[in-house]
Amino acid sequence: MYYAIIAKDKADNLNDRLKARPAHLDRLRQLQDAGRLLLAGPHPAIDSEDPGSAGFTGSLIVAEFPDLEAARAWAAADPYVTAGVFTEVTVKPFRKVFPE
């Protein structure tokens, strides 16, 4: 089943985010290589593909896990969590309907 990992960034965290980004992306690539990643990306703080110094307000990851506990455990070990980038992380089941 898919699970949505919805994370909220702490304020003024761009430097922390950039430091943790390579390790965060490595974990996402592992999910992608295993065919388990549906989508992932950040929420820009402003209406722009590249928000520059405005940074980001959070992230969304939708990936396949065996169960909710496995999804929560994966999210808790994310480098953005361990680096203190995220202030809040919600993990919940997600059912993909479209595109088919």
Protein backbone atom coordinates (compact mmCIF):
# COMPACT_ATOMS: atom_id res chain seq x y z
CA MET A 1 0.00 0.00 0.00
CA TYR A 2 1.06 3.58 -0.56
CA TYR A 3 1.59 5.98 2.33
CA ALA A 4 1.78 9.78 2.24
CA ILE A 5 4.51 11.33 4.33
CA ILE A 6 3.61 14.98 4.85
CA ALA A 7 6.26 17.04 6.60
CA LYS A 8 6.37 20.62 7.83
CA ASP A 9 9.66 22.51 7.95
CA LYS A 10 10.82 24.60 10.87
CA ALA A 11 11.24 28.30 10.07
CA ASP A 12 14.52 29.59 8.66
CA ASN A 13 15.94 26.13 8.04
CA LEU A 14 17.35 26.43 4.53
CA ASN A 15 20.97 25.83 5.61
CA ASP A 16 20.03 22.74 7.62
CA ARG A 17 17.94 21.48 4.72
CA LEU A 18 20.77 21.94 2.23
CA LYS A 19 23.24 20.11 4.48
CA ALA A 20 20.93 17.11 4.92
CA ARG A 21 19.71 17.07 1.31
CA PRO A 22 22.24 14.61 -0.21
CA ALA A 23 21.46 11.93 2.41
CA HIS A 24 17.72 12.61 2.06
CA LEU A 25 17.90 12.22 -1.73
CA ASP A 26 19.93 9.00 -1.41
CA ARG A 27 17.11 7.44 0.64
CA LEU A 28 14.54 8.55 -1.92
CA ARG A 29 16.64 7.07 -4.73
CA GLN A 30 16.68 3.75 -2.87
CA LEU A 31 12.86 3.78 -2.82
CA GLN A 32 12.81 4.73 -6.49
CA ASP A 33 15.28 2.00 -7.45
CA ALA A 34 13.10 -0.52 -5.60
CA GLY A 35 10.05 0.67 -7.59
CA ARG A 36 8.31 1.90 -4.42
CA LEU A 37 8.36 5.69 -4.89
CA LEU A 38 5.26 7.26 -6.43
CA LEU A 39 6.34 10.91 -6.00
CA ALA A 40 8.38 13.15 -3.78
CA GLY A 41 9.18 16.82 -3.55
CA PRO A 42 9.29 19.97 -1.45
CA HIS A 43 6.73 22.73 -0.99
CA PRO A 44 8.37 26.03 -2.02
CA ALA A 45 7.73 28.89 0.41
CA ILE A 46 6.80 31.14 -2.52
CA ASP A 47 5.07 30.55 -5.85
CA SER A 48 8.24 29.62 -7.72
CA GLU A 49 10.03 26.50 -8.95
CA ASP A 50 13.19 27.89 -7.35
CA PRO A 51 12.29 29.82 -4.21
CA GLY A 52 15.90 30.81 -3.56
CA SER A 53 16.47 32.15 -0.06
CA ALA A 54 12.73 31.93 0.72
CA GLY A 55 13.27 28.19 1.06
CA PHE A 56 10.60 25.59 1.63
CA THR A 57 7.71 24.98 4.00
CA GLY A 58 7.76 21.20 3.94
CA SER A 59 7.78 18.10 1.78
CA LEU A 60 5.52 15.38 0.43
CA ILE A 61 6.60 11.80 -0.20
CA VAL A 62 4.23 9.10 -1.43
CA ALA A 63 5.77 5.64 -1.39
CA GLU A 64 4.89 2.00 -0.95
CA PHE A 65 5.54 0.31 2.39
CA PRO A 66 4.40 -3.03 3.85
CA ASP A 67 2.31 -1.26 6.50
CA LEU A 68 1.79 1.98 8.40
CA GLU A 69 4.39 1.17 11.04
CA ALA A 70 7.04 0.56 8.38
CA ALA A 71 6.17 3.89 6.73
CA ARG A 72 6.39 5.69 10.08
CA ALA A 73 9.73 4.06 10.88
CA TRP A 74 11.12 5.04 7.47
CA ALA A 75 9.93 8.63 7.92
CA ALA A 76 11.37 8.87 11.44
CA ALA A 77 14.82 7.90 10.14
CA ASP A 78 14.84 10.46 7.32
CA PRO A 79 17.87 12.77 7.41
CA TYR A 80 15.61 15.82 7.40
CA VAL A 81 14.02 14.51 10.61
CA THR A 82 17.30 13.65 12.30
CA ALA A 83 18.79 17.03 11.28
CA GLY A 84 15.82 18.90 12.74
CA VAL A 85 14.59 20.28 9.41
CA PHE A 86 11.05 19.00 9.95
CA THR A 87 9.01 20.13 12.95
CA GLU A 88 6.09 17.83 12.19
CA VAL A 89 5.67 14.64 10.15
CA THR A 90 2.33 13.00 9.40
CA VAL A 91 2.17 9.55 7.84
CA LYS A 92 -1.10 8.17 6.56
CA PRO A 93 -2.39 5.64 4.05
CA PHE A 94 -2.80 6.85 0.49
CA ARG A 95 -4.85 5.28 -2.27
CA LYS A 96 -3.77 6.20 -5.79
CA VAL A 97 -6.73 6.64 -8.16
CA PHE A 98 -5.34 8.79 -11.00
CA PRO A 99 -3.54 8.61 -13.25
CA GLU A 100 -4.59 5.08 -13.97
